[in-house]
Amino acid sequence: MALNDHRPSDALADRRVVALVLRIVLDRRGAVLQGEVLDATTHDGQRFAGWDELVATIRRCLGQDAGR
C-alpha cells in the first residue's frame, strides 16, 4: 500500500520514508515469542525474540543506536 504525503516537498527534505515488514509469532496471551523485521527495499532481515528485542531490532534496521 502506498501512502501519499501532501506536504510541500521542502518539508520532507530532512526526512526519509522507510518501509519495514514485521513478522511475529505471538502466544495466546499476546506475548512476542519471536519474529523478524525485513527492510522492504533491500529485503535484509533481522530476527528477534520478545518485545524489547523488537524495538532494538527496528532501531538497528533504521540505523539508530539501540541505546538511545
C-alpha atoms as a PDB file:
ATOM      1  CA  MET A   1       0.000   0.000   0.000  1.00  0.00           C
ATOM      2  CA  ALA A   2       1.425   3.375  -0.961  1.00  0.00           C
ATOM      3  CA  LEU A   3       0.866   6.453   1.129  1.00  0.00           C
ATOM      4  CA  ASN A   4       0.755   9.881  -0.443  1.00  0.00           C
ATOM      5  CA  ASP A   5       2.235  12.743   1.520  1.00  0.00           C
ATOM      6  CA  HIS A   6       0.627  16.029   0.531  1.00  0.00           C
ATOM      7  CA  ARG A   7       3.073  18.247   2.422  1.00  0.00           C
ATOM      8  CA  PRO A   8       5.342  20.532   0.398  1.00  0.00           C
ATOM      9  CA  SER A   9       8.467  18.721  -0.781  1.00  0.00           C
ATOM     10  CA  ASP A  10      10.758  21.053   1.179  1.00  0.00           C
ATOM     11  CA  ALA A  11       9.103  19.834   4.413  1.00  0.00           C
ATOM     12  CA  LEU A  12      10.355  16.335   3.578  1.00  0.00           C
ATOM     13  CA  ALA A  13      13.908  17.379   2.730  1.00  0.00           C
ATOM     14  CA  ASP A  14      15.301  16.211   6.072  1.00  0.00           C
ATOM     15  CA  ARG A  15      13.175  13.049   6.272  1.00  0.00           C
ATOM     16  CA  ARG A  16      13.203   9.618   4.733  1.00  0.00           C
ATOM     17  CA  VAL A  17      10.477   7.088   4.201  1.00  0.00           C
ATOM     18  CA  VAL A  18      11.276   3.542   5.304  1.00  0.00           C
ATOM     19  CA  ALA A  19       9.085   0.505   4.736  1.00  0.00           C
ATOM     20  CA  LEU A  20       9.607  -2.375   7.141  1.00  0.00           C
ATOM     21  CA  VAL A  21       7.822  -5.719   7.161  1.00  0.00           C
ATOM     22  CA  LEU A  22       7.184  -7.187  10.598  1.00  0.00           C
ATOM     23  CA  ARG A  23       6.612 -10.906  11.073  1.00  0.00           C
ATOM     24  CA  ILE A  24       5.881 -12.023  14.611  1.00  0.00           C
ATOM     25  CA  VAL A  25       4.848 -15.171  16.443  1.00  0.00           C
ATOM     26  CA  LEU A  26       2.640 -14.488  19.469  1.00  0.00           C
ATOM     27  CA  ASP A  27       1.407 -16.817  22.166  1.00  0.00           C
ATOM     28  CA  ARG A  28      -2.285 -16.921  23.141  1.00  0.00           C
ATOM     29  CA  ARG A  29      -1.793 -14.035  25.599  1.00  0.00           C
ATOM     30  CA  GLY A  30      -0.110 -11.796  23.015  1.00  0.00           C
ATOM     31  CA  ALA A  31       3.461 -12.202  24.238  1.00  0.00           C
ATOM     32  CA  VAL A  32       6.021 -11.999  21.444  1.00  0.00           C
ATOM     33  CA  LEU A  33       7.841 -15.312  21.122  1.00  0.00           C
ATOM     34  CA  GLN A  34       9.949 -14.488  18.092  1.00  0.00           C
ATOM     35  CA  GLY A  35       9.911 -12.554  14.876  1.00  0.00           C
ATOM     36  CA  GLU A  36      11.739 -10.894  12.037  1.00  0.00           C
ATOM     37  CA  VAL A  37      11.957  -7.338  10.737  1.00  0.00           C
ATOM     38  CA  LEU A  38      12.578  -7.024   6.987  1.00  0.00           C
ATOM     39  CA  ASP A  39      13.610  -3.912   5.098  1.00  0.00           C
ATOM     40  CA  ALA A  40      11.095  -3.830   2.249  1.00  0.00           C
ATOM     41  CA  THR A  41      13.616  -2.173  -0.079  1.00  0.00           C
ATOM     42  CA  THR A  42      16.705  -4.309   0.472  1.00  0.00           C
ATOM     43  CA  HIS A  43      14.941  -7.425   1.791  1.00  0.00           C
ATOM     44  CA  ASP A  44      17.539  -7.605   4.577  1.00  0.00           C
ATOM     45  CA  GLY A  45      16.112  -9.193   7.697  1.00  0.00           C
ATOM     46  CA  GLN A  46      16.955  -9.327  11.369  1.00  0.00           C
ATOM     47  CA  ARG A  47      15.432 -11.768  13.849  1.00  0.00           C
ATOM     48  CA  PHE A  48      14.412 -11.043  17.423  1.00  0.00           C
ATOM     49  CA  ALA A  49      12.732 -12.574  20.477  1.00  0.00           C
ATOM     50  CA  GLY A  50      10.492 -10.550  22.813  1.00  0.00           C
ATOM     51  CA  TRP A  51       9.124  -7.004  22.801  1.00  0.00           C
ATOM     52  CA  ASP A  52      12.383  -5.365  23.946  1.00  0.00           C
ATOM     53  CA  GLU A  53      14.396  -7.013  21.181  1.00  0.00           C
ATOM     54  CA  LEU A  54      11.734  -5.956  18.661  1.00  0.00           C
ATOM     55  CA  VAL A  55      12.323  -2.290  19.475  1.00  0.00           C
ATOM     56  CA  ALA A  56      16.122  -2.719  19.388  1.00  0.00           C
ATOM     57  CA  THR A  57      15.890  -4.560  16.056  1.00  0.00           C
ATOM     58  CA  ILE A  58      13.765  -1.826  14.478  1.00  0.00           C
ATOM     59  CA  ARG A  59      16.251   0.790  15.675  1.00  0.00           C
ATOM     60  CA  ARG A  60      19.119  -1.213  14.150  1.00  0.00           C
ATOM     61  CA  CYS A  61      17.200  -1.516  10.863  1.00  0.00           C
ATOM     62  CA  LEU A  62      16.755   2.252  10.839  1.00  0.00           C
ATOM     63  CA  GLY A  63      20.435   2.814  11.526  1.00  0.00           C
ATOM     64  CA  GLN A  64      19.911   4.184  15.003  1.00  0.00           C
ATOM     65  CA  ASP A  65      21.755   3.319  18.168  1.00  0.00           C
ATOM     66  CA  ALA A  66      19.626   0.896  20.190  1.00  0.00           C
ATOM     67  CA  GLY A  67      20.871   2.541  23.373  1.00  0.00           C
ATOM     68  CA  ARG A  68      19.016   5.836  22.731  1.00  0.00           C
END
